Each structure stands twice: as structure tokens, then as C-alpha cells.
Amino acid sequence: MSSLTVREAFWRWFWIGLISAAVLLGFQALSVGGPAGLLQVGETSNLRPLIEDQLGEVPLAAGRGHDGQIFYAIGLDLSGQDLEGTIRDAGFRYRRILYPALASAGGLLDGWGLLYGMIGVALLSSALACGFVAAMATRSGTTNWFGLVVVLNPGIWLSVRLLTADLPAVAMIVGALFFVRSRQWTGAGLAALGVMTKEVHLATFLGPGFSRDRRNRMLLVAPLVALTTVVVWVSLTLGDGLAGGDNLSFPLVGIVDAVPNWESFGSRQWFYLVFALGSVGVGLVFTILHRGSMRWSLLAWSLLGLSMSSWVWNASNNAARALAPIAILVVLSHLEQIEANQAAGQSALS
């Protein structure tokens, strides 16, 4: 049982999340040659000239680099007109427009301002995600230490270090689930923003959206409307608004095809692989053993993990980052079960 109020739990874990992400980003920046190295600009990346024009000479990553550089480039050109033909799978990337839009303050920031905007969004997202989880745990009458599911989540570590959209999306969806009971439209708005940050988070709202509680219906309607709007906009301006970026395949095919590549993994890669596979397994177990609407969200995420392509599973850090929400949803499913048991107990006594 927590001795803190819901508000106190939120703010305690807000600062824990903020500080832990700042420490992680600080060490990452030191290891990659400075803040510009956080973008993971690839030696052979098409975006290298654009980013070096903004930031000067930057530390380079091997090959084509990682996603941070793509979100930075999108932040420089939110309409996508100037970058046409430069970003691979542009329709897929621009579907996740909200993170670079926030980081660039709607296109006002460029250069170092945009980079520090991305860092600021990552720090704030970690703080909010931790705070909301701890607040929901406290509201359920259990320990606020469930906030550790964000702080100790390897997939979240990767999103912080690589400046990707995963963590901002997580912060918004957890916020949506927190607010839906007391401020329905705030929850619905955050749900919509979450899928505009990373569209696959629509899976989170499948369970609550179809539950008997009518307050939760907007958790599905609002993100569906938002995602449809973004897809139409991307399709009209860039094309391929429904492109999947080669991320999906038939269930288990991607995992089976990736197995031969795992033989070359080092210890760090194996760590992330075990986390990703374990997340899918635990998600499926909770789907079977737990009741409540969140189990359907867990089922959707687990099936999504099983359906990820070999392109994702070949790089275990990508799989771990993509499946980071499962551990958080397991905790939220557990909290939902606690609340259901409390309600049943009170009903039996009345």
C-alpha cells in the first residue's frame, strides 16, 4: 500500500523519470562524441549532408545510421516537400509526425535548437510516463514503485538513447489511460496524439475501447479519427500513407527467418532479444490468465510482436524498442485486475 497521494506519487516519479533519462542521455552523448552523436547519422546516410549543413561536422554511426537522424530531418521539413526522395519510406515515416513537430515547436526550430528540442521531448516523455504509471498504481491502492516498469525498461532505454518516437508515444498513451476516468476528453486527446506519434499504439486502445465502460469508447474513436486524418494527409502529399516500412510479415515468419542471424549476436544483442521475446511471451500469458479489457490490448501487442518481420528481429534493439510497451501494459493490466477485485469485494459487502 502506498502512503502517498496520487498527486504526490506522480511528481515523485516524474522527477525520477526525468533524472534517470537525463543520466542515460548524458552517458550516451559522452560515448558517441557529443549531443550531435545522439542522432546516429550514418556514414552513408542520404541525410548526412542536410544534417551537417545544420550542425556542422557530426559524429557518424556505421552504415545508414539510425532513426534519430530521420526524425531530425522531418523536424526541418514538416510538410515533406523539401525532403521528397531523400527519406526512404517517407509515407511511413511522416505518419509519425507528432514527435518531430513537437521537437521543432511546429517547425520554428532548426539546427541545434531542434536537436535540443528532441532531447527535451525525450526527457519530458520519460518523466510523464513514469509519473502516470506511479499515479495509476497509487490510485489502485498499491505501491507507486510500479513506476520502475518505465525506468528499468530496456526498450525505453533505447528510445531515450536513440531519440526515437517510441517513448513520447508511450507517455501519451499512458496519460490517456490515466485521464480517461476523470477527464474523458483529455484522455481521448492524448490517445489521438499517441497514434500520431507512433501509429501502432492504436493496439493499446483496442481493449479499453471495446469495454463495457462507455467512458473508454473515445479511447478508440479519437485515435482512429486522428490516424485516418494523418494517413489521408500523408497519402495526398507524399503518397504511401499506409506503407508498412517492411516491418510486418506473417506471424512467426519474421522470427524464424531471423534465427540464423542471431548466431552472430554479442551479449548486448542477446540481452535485448531475450527482453523482446520475453515481452511477447509474458504478454500472451497475461492475456490468458488475467481478465479485464487490458488483456485484449496485450494480445494485440503480442500478436504484433509475433508478426514483426525479420528486418526488425534481425536487430534485437529494434525489436526491444518496438515491444517496450508490453511490460508497461502488463503492469496496467495487473492494476486493472486489482481494481476489479476491490470493486467485487465492495459489492459483496454491500
Protein backbone atom coordinates (compact mmCIF):
# COMPACT_ATOMS: atom_id res chain seq x y z
CA MET A 1 0.00 0.00 0.00
CA SER A 2 1.28 3.45 -0.89
CA SER A 3 1.32 6.21 1.76
CA LEU A 4 1.46 8.83 -0.99
CA THR A 5 -1.46 10.61 -2.60
CA VAL A 6 -1.94 10.18 -6.34
CA ARG A 7 -0.53 13.66 -6.95
CA GLU A 8 2.50 13.02 -4.74
CA ALA A 9 3.22 9.72 -6.47
CA PHE A 10 3.02 11.39 -9.87
CA TRP A 11 5.51 14.12 -9.00
CA ARG A 12 7.90 11.81 -7.19
CA TRP A 13 8.16 9.56 -10.25
CA PHE A 14 8.07 12.47 -12.67
CA TRP A 15 11.41 13.60 -11.27
CA ILE A 16 12.77 10.06 -11.07
CA GLY A 17 11.90 9.54 -14.73
CA LEU A 18 13.38 12.88 -15.74
CA ILE A 19 16.65 12.38 -13.87
CA SER A 20 17.12 8.78 -15.00
CA ALA A 21 16.61 9.76 -18.65
CA ALA A 22 18.99 12.71 -18.27
CA VAL A 23 21.69 10.45 -16.84
CA LEU A 24 21.16 7.94 -19.62
CA LEU A 25 21.32 10.62 -22.30
CA GLY A 26 24.40 12.15 -20.71
CA PHE A 27 26.34 8.90 -20.77
CA GLN A 28 25.13 8.17 -24.30
CA ALA A 29 26.29 11.59 -25.51
CA LEU A 30 29.71 11.01 -23.98
CA SER A 31 30.00 7.65 -25.72
CA VAL A 32 29.02 8.94 -29.18
CA GLY A 33 31.10 12.11 -29.32
CA GLY A 34 28.66 14.72 -28.07
CA PRO A 35 24.99 15.69 -28.36
CA ALA A 36 25.01 15.58 -32.17
CA GLY A 37 26.09 11.94 -31.96
CA LEU A 38 22.73 11.12 -30.40
CA LEU A 39 21.17 11.46 -33.87
CA GLN A 40 23.18 8.44 -35.08
CA VAL A 41 23.82 9.98 -38.50
CA GLY A 42 25.04 7.22 -40.80
CA GLU A 43 28.27 7.41 -42.77
CA THR A 44 26.35 6.55 -45.93
CA SER A 45 23.08 8.24 -45.00
CA ASN A 46 21.31 10.42 -47.57
CA LEU A 47 20.56 12.79 -44.70
CA ARG A 48 24.18 13.38 -43.72
CA PRO A 49 24.71 16.47 -45.94
CA LEU A 50 21.48 18.07 -44.69
CA ILE A 51 22.31 17.49 -41.02
CA GLU A 52 25.93 18.60 -41.39
CA ASP A 53 24.67 21.78 -43.04
CA GLN A 54 22.65 22.39 -39.86
CA LEU A 55 25.09 21.23 -37.17
CA GLY A 56 28.49 21.21 -38.83
CA GLU A 57 30.64 18.09 -38.68
CA VAL A 58 28.85 15.46 -36.59
CA PRO A 59 29.95 12.12 -35.11
CA LEU A 60 28.97 9.37 -37.51
CA ALA A 61 27.44 5.94 -37.00
CA ALA A 62 28.20 2.93 -39.14
CA GLY A 63 26.26 2.36 -42.36
CA ARG A 64 22.98 4.22 -42.78
CA GLY A 65 22.70 5.13 -39.09
CA HIS A 66 19.52 5.10 -37.03
CA ASP A 67 16.10 6.71 -36.73
CA GLY A 68 17.09 9.80 -34.74
CA GLN A 69 18.51 11.41 -37.87
CA ILE A 70 15.22 10.79 -39.71
CA PHE A 71 13.11 12.49 -37.05
CA TYR A 72 15.57 15.40 -37.06
CA ALA A 73 15.23 15.76 -40.83
CA ILE A 74 11.43 15.62 -40.64
CA GLY A 75 11.54 18.32 -37.98
CA LEU A 76 13.30 20.53 -40.53
CA ASP A 77 10.63 19.86 -43.16
CA LEU A 78 7.27 19.02 -41.59
CA SER A 79 5.47 19.25 -44.92
CA GLY A 80 7.78 16.71 -46.55
CA GLN A 81 8.11 18.73 -49.75
CA ASP A 82 11.81 19.55 -49.49
CA LEU A 83 12.83 16.04 -48.48
CA GLU A 84 10.90 14.24 -51.19
CA GLY A 85 13.00 11.35 -52.46
CA THR A 86 15.57 11.71 -49.66
CA ILE A 87 13.87 9.69 -46.90
CA ARG A 88 13.20 6.05 -47.59
CA ASP A 89 9.57 5.03 -46.91
CA ALA A 90 8.66 8.68 -46.45
CA GLY A 91 4.94 7.93 -46.10
CA PHE A 92 5.65 5.52 -43.26
CA ARG A 93 7.97 8.00 -41.52
CA TYR A 94 5.72 11.03 -41.88
CA ARG A 95 2.83 9.10 -40.39
CA ARG A 96 4.71 9.60 -37.11
CA ILE A 97 4.76 13.36 -37.50
CA LEU A 98 3.98 14.49 -33.96
CA TYR A 99 7.38 13.82 -32.36
CA PRO A 100 9.39 15.98 -34.81
CA ALA A 101 6.57 18.55 -34.79
CA LEU A 102 6.82 18.89 -31.00
CA ALA A 103 10.62 18.87 -31.00
CA SER A 104 10.75 21.62 -33.63
CA ALA A 105 7.98 23.66 -31.96
CA GLY A 106 5.84 23.31 -35.07
CA GLY A 107 8.73 23.99 -37.43
CA LEU A 108 10.10 27.06 -35.66
CA LEU A 109 13.33 25.39 -34.52
CA ASP A 110 16.18 24.13 -36.65
CA GLY A 111 19.88 23.48 -36.14
CA TRP A 112 20.92 22.95 -32.55
CA GLY A 113 17.56 24.20 -31.32
CA LEU A 114 15.82 21.28 -33.00
CA LEU A 115 18.32 18.79 -31.58
CA TYR A 116 17.83 20.11 -28.05
CA GLY A 117 14.09 20.07 -28.68
CA MET A 118 14.31 16.34 -29.40
CA ILE A 119 16.31 15.84 -26.22
CA GLY A 120 13.78 17.88 -24.24
CA VAL A 121 10.85 15.83 -25.57
CA ALA A 122 12.67 12.61 -24.62
CA LEU A 123 13.30 13.85 -21.07
CA LEU A 124 9.75 15.09 -20.57
CA SER A 125 8.30 11.89 -22.02
CA SER A 126 10.27 9.74 -19.59
CA ALA A 127 9.12 11.91 -16.70
CA LEU A 128 5.45 11.80 -17.71
CA ALA A 129 5.41 8.06 -18.43
CA CYS A 130 6.91 7.27 -15.02
CA GLY A 131 4.62 9.72 -13.26
CA PHE A 132 1.43 8.41 -14.85
CA VAL A 133 2.23 4.75 -14.14
CA ALA A 134 3.05 5.52 -10.50
CA ALA A 135 -0.10 7.63 -10.16
CA MET A 136 -2.29 4.84 -11.54
CA ALA A 137 -0.68 2.34 -9.18
CA THR A 138 -1.30 4.63 -6.22
CA ARG A 139 -4.89 5.22 -7.33
CA SER A 140 -5.35 1.44 -7.34
CA GLY A 141 -4.20 1.25 -3.74
CA THR A 142 -0.92 -0.50 -4.43
CA THR A 143 2.74 0.54 -4.49
CA ASN A 144 3.92 3.52 -6.53
CA TRP A 145 7.12 1.58 -7.21
CA PHE A 146 5.45 0.20 -10.31
CA GLY A 147 6.93 3.32 -11.90
CA LEU A 148 10.08 1.23 -12.25
CA VAL A 149 8.48 -0.55 -15.22
CA VAL A 150 9.42 2.54 -17.22
CA VAL A 151 12.78 3.34 -15.61
CA LEU A 152 14.06 -0.25 -15.89
CA ASN A 153 12.57 -1.00 -19.31
CA PRO A 154 15.34 -1.82 -21.83
CA GLY A 155 13.14 -0.77 -24.74
CA ILE A 156 12.64 2.63 -23.12
CA TRP A 157 16.40 2.95 -22.61
CA LEU A 158 16.87 2.50 -26.34
CA SER A 159 14.25 5.08 -27.24
CA VAL A 160 15.92 7.61 -24.94
CA ARG A 161 19.41 6.91 -26.26
CA LEU A 162 18.40 6.91 -29.93
CA LEU A 163 15.93 9.84 -29.76
CA THR A 164 13.04 7.95 -31.35
CA ALA A 165 9.26 8.35 -31.16
CA ASP A 166 8.63 5.25 -29.03
CA LEU A 167 8.90 6.94 -25.63
CA PRO A 168 6.85 10.06 -26.47
CA ALA A 169 4.10 7.75 -27.76
CA VAL A 170 4.24 5.66 -24.56
CA ALA A 171 3.95 8.79 -22.41
CA MET A 172 0.83 9.87 -24.30
CA ILE A 173 -0.93 6.52 -24.22
CA VAL A 174 -0.27 6.02 -20.51
CA GLY A 175 -1.53 9.56 -19.92
CA ALA A 176 -4.65 8.75 -21.94
CA LEU A 177 -5.36 5.69 -19.79
CA PHE A 178 -4.81 7.72 -16.63
CA PHE A 179 -7.14 10.57 -17.55
CA VAL A 180 -9.98 8.69 -19.22
CA ARG A 181 -11.77 8.03 -15.93
CA SER A 182 -11.77 11.62 -14.70
CA ARG A 183 -11.27 13.74 -17.81
CA GLN A 184 -12.64 11.78 -20.75
CA TRP A 185 -11.77 14.32 -23.42
CA THR A 186 -8.25 14.82 -22.10
CA GLY A 187 -7.75 11.06 -22.26
CA ALA A 188 -9.20 10.90 -25.77
CA GLY A 189 -6.99 13.77 -26.91
CA LEU A 190 -3.84 12.10 -25.58
CA ALA A 191 -4.87 8.83 -27.24
CA ALA A 192 -5.16 10.67 -30.55
CA LEU A 193 -1.77 12.32 -30.08
CA GLY A 194 -0.26 8.94 -29.19
CA VAL A 195 -1.14 7.34 -32.52
CA MET A 196 0.03 10.46 -34.35
CA THR A 197 3.39 9.85 -32.69
CA LYS A 198 3.51 6.14 -33.47
CA GLU A 199 0.52 4.57 -35.16
CA VAL A 200 0.93 1.04 -33.78
CA HIS A 201 -0.12 2.32 -30.35
CA LEU A 202 -3.66 2.07 -31.62
CA ALA A 203 -3.30 -1.53 -30.39
CA THR A 204 -3.26 -0.23 -26.81
CA PHE A 205 -6.79 1.11 -27.09
CA LEU A 206 -8.43 -1.94 -28.64
CA GLY A 207 -9.16 -3.43 -25.21
CA PRO A 208 -10.45 -0.34 -23.36
CA GLY A 209 -12.22 0.92 -26.47
CA PHE A 210 -14.44 -2.17 -26.64
CA SER A 211 -15.03 -2.45 -22.89
CA ARG A 212 -18.41 -2.01 -21.24
CA ASP A 213 -17.34 1.30 -19.73
CA ARG A 214 -18.65 3.94 -22.12
CA ARG A 215 -16.07 6.44 -20.88
CA ASN A 216 -13.46 4.35 -22.66
CA ARG A 217 -15.09 4.39 -26.10
CA MET A 218 -13.41 7.64 -27.08
CA LEU A 219 -10.05 5.99 -26.40
CA LEU A 220 -10.64 4.11 -29.63
CA VAL A 221 -12.70 6.58 -31.61
CA ALA A 222 -10.37 9.57 -31.16
CA PRO A 223 -7.15 7.82 -32.24
CA LEU A 224 -8.94 6.18 -35.18
CA VAL A 225 -10.07 9.59 -36.39
CA ALA A 226 -6.61 11.08 -35.82
CA LEU A 227 -4.81 8.24 -37.57
CA THR A 228 -7.20 8.33 -40.53
CA THR A 229 -6.60 12.07 -40.86
CA VAL A 230 -2.83 11.62 -40.83
CA VAL A 231 -2.96 8.76 -43.34
CA VAL A 232 -5.09 10.81 -45.72
CA TRP A 233 -2.78 13.83 -45.38
CA VAL A 234 0.35 11.73 -45.98
CA SER A 235 -1.26 9.93 -48.92
CA LEU A 236 -2.24 13.21 -50.58
CA THR A 237 1.09 14.96 -50.01
CA LEU A 238 3.71 12.20 -50.15
CA GLY A 239 1.88 9.04 -51.16
CA ASP A 240 2.01 5.61 -49.48
CA GLY A 241 0.18 6.72 -46.37
CA LEU A 242 -0.44 3.09 -45.46
CA ALA A 243 3.10 1.87 -46.14
CA GLY A 244 4.42 -0.57 -43.52
CA GLY A 245 8.12 0.10 -43.93
CA ASP A 246 8.85 -3.64 -44.34
CA ASN A 247 8.18 -4.08 -40.62
CA LEU A 248 5.47 -6.75 -40.77
CA SER A 249 5.15 -10.30 -42.09
CA PHE A 250 3.00 -13.34 -41.39
CA PRO A 251 3.04 -14.47 -37.73
CA LEU A 252 6.31 -16.17 -36.68
CA VAL A 253 7.82 -15.90 -40.19
CA GLY A 254 9.99 -12.94 -39.25
CA ILE A 255 11.26 -14.64 -36.10
CA VAL A 256 12.05 -17.90 -37.91
CA ASP A 257 13.82 -16.08 -40.74
CA ALA A 258 15.89 -14.05 -38.24
CA VAL A 259 17.11 -17.03 -36.20
CA PRO A 260 20.24 -17.69 -38.35
CA ASN A 261 21.33 -14.10 -37.81
CA TRP A 262 21.17 -14.47 -34.03
CA GLU A 263 24.23 -16.73 -34.03
CA SER A 264 26.40 -13.64 -34.55
CA PHE A 265 24.86 -11.70 -31.65
CA GLY A 266 27.00 -10.42 -28.82
CA SER A 267 25.89 -10.30 -25.19
CA ARG A 268 24.18 -6.92 -25.52
CA GLN A 269 22.20 -8.03 -28.56
CA TRP A 270 21.16 -11.22 -26.78
CA PHE A 271 20.01 -9.16 -23.79
CA TYR A 272 17.66 -7.12 -25.96
CA LEU A 273 16.50 -10.22 -27.84
CA VAL A 274 15.60 -12.06 -24.63
CA PHE A 275 13.73 -8.97 -23.44
CA ALA A 276 11.76 -8.72 -26.71
CA LEU A 277 10.88 -12.42 -26.89
CA GLY A 278 10.12 -12.50 -23.17
CA SER A 279 7.81 -9.49 -23.55
CA VAL A 280 5.77 -11.32 -26.19
CA GLY A 281 5.61 -14.45 -24.04
CA VAL A 282 4.58 -12.63 -20.87
CA GLY A 283 2.00 -10.65 -22.83
CA LEU A 284 0.41 -13.86 -24.08
CA VAL A 285 0.41 -15.39 -20.57
CA PHE A 286 -1.31 -12.32 -19.11
CA THR A 287 -3.86 -12.46 -21.91
CA ILE A 288 -4.81 -15.97 -20.79
CA LEU A 289 -4.60 -15.57 -17.02
CA HIS A 290 -5.97 -12.07 -16.46
CA ARG A 291 -9.43 -10.69 -17.00
CA GLY A 292 -10.38 -7.16 -17.94
CA SER A 293 -10.14 -5.02 -21.03
CA MET A 294 -6.36 -4.56 -20.99
CA ARG A 295 -5.76 -8.22 -21.80
CA TRP A 296 -7.02 -7.57 -25.33
CA SER A 297 -4.52 -4.76 -25.67
CA LEU A 298 -1.80 -7.16 -24.54
CA LEU A 299 -2.99 -9.75 -27.05
CA ALA A 300 -2.85 -7.17 -29.85
CA TRP A 301 0.70 -6.15 -28.91
CA SER A 302 1.85 -9.75 -28.56
CA LEU A 303 0.44 -10.66 -31.96
CA LEU A 304 2.13 -7.58 -33.36
CA GLY A 305 5.44 -8.82 -31.96
CA LEU A 306 4.93 -12.26 -33.49
CA SER A 307 4.17 -10.59 -36.84
CA MET A 308 7.22 -8.32 -36.99
CA SER A 309 9.42 -9.00 -39.99
CA SER A 310 12.93 -10.42 -39.98
CA TRP A 311 14.14 -6.88 -40.71
CA VAL A 312 13.04 -5.96 -37.17
CA TRP A 313 14.06 -9.20 -35.47
CA ASN A 314 17.49 -9.20 -37.15
CA ALA A 315 18.36 -6.21 -34.98
CA SER A 316 17.28 -7.08 -31.46
CA ASN A 317 17.47 -3.46 -30.32
CA ASN A 318 14.73 -2.62 -32.83
CA ALA A 319 12.55 -5.45 -31.52
CA ALA A 320 13.13 -4.45 -27.89
CA ARG A 321 12.27 -0.83 -28.60
CA ALA A 322 9.15 -1.71 -30.58
CA LEU A 323 7.84 -4.05 -27.86
CA ALA A 324 8.70 -1.88 -24.85
CA PRO A 325 5.00 -1.05 -24.20
CA ILE A 326 4.15 -4.69 -23.38
CA ALA A 327 5.87 -4.62 -19.98
CA ILE A 328 4.04 -1.39 -19.12
CA LEU A 329 0.70 -2.81 -20.25
CA VAL A 330 1.30 -5.91 -18.13
CA VAL A 331 1.53 -3.65 -15.09
CA LEU A 332 -1.57 -1.71 -16.12
CA SER A 333 -3.44 -4.98 -16.66
CA HIS A 334 -2.44 -6.07 -13.16
CA LEU A 335 -3.67 -2.76 -11.72
CA GLU A 336 -6.95 -3.15 -13.59
CA GLN A 337 -7.39 -6.60 -12.02
CA ILE A 338 -6.70 -5.19 -8.55
CA GLU A 339 -9.35 -2.52 -9.03
CA ALA A 340 -11.83 -5.10 -10.34
CA ASN A 341 -11.23 -7.31 -7.28
CA GLN A 342 -11.70 -4.31 -4.96
CA ALA A 343 -14.99 -3.42 -6.68
CA ALA A 344 -16.20 -7.02 -6.42
CA GLY A 345 -15.31 -7.10 -2.71
CA GLN A 346 -17.16 -3.87 -2.02
CA SER A 347 -20.19 -5.16 -3.95
CA ALA A 348 -20.22 -8.35 -1.89
CA LEU A 349 -20.16 -6.36 1.37
CA SER A 350 -22.95 -4.01 0.38
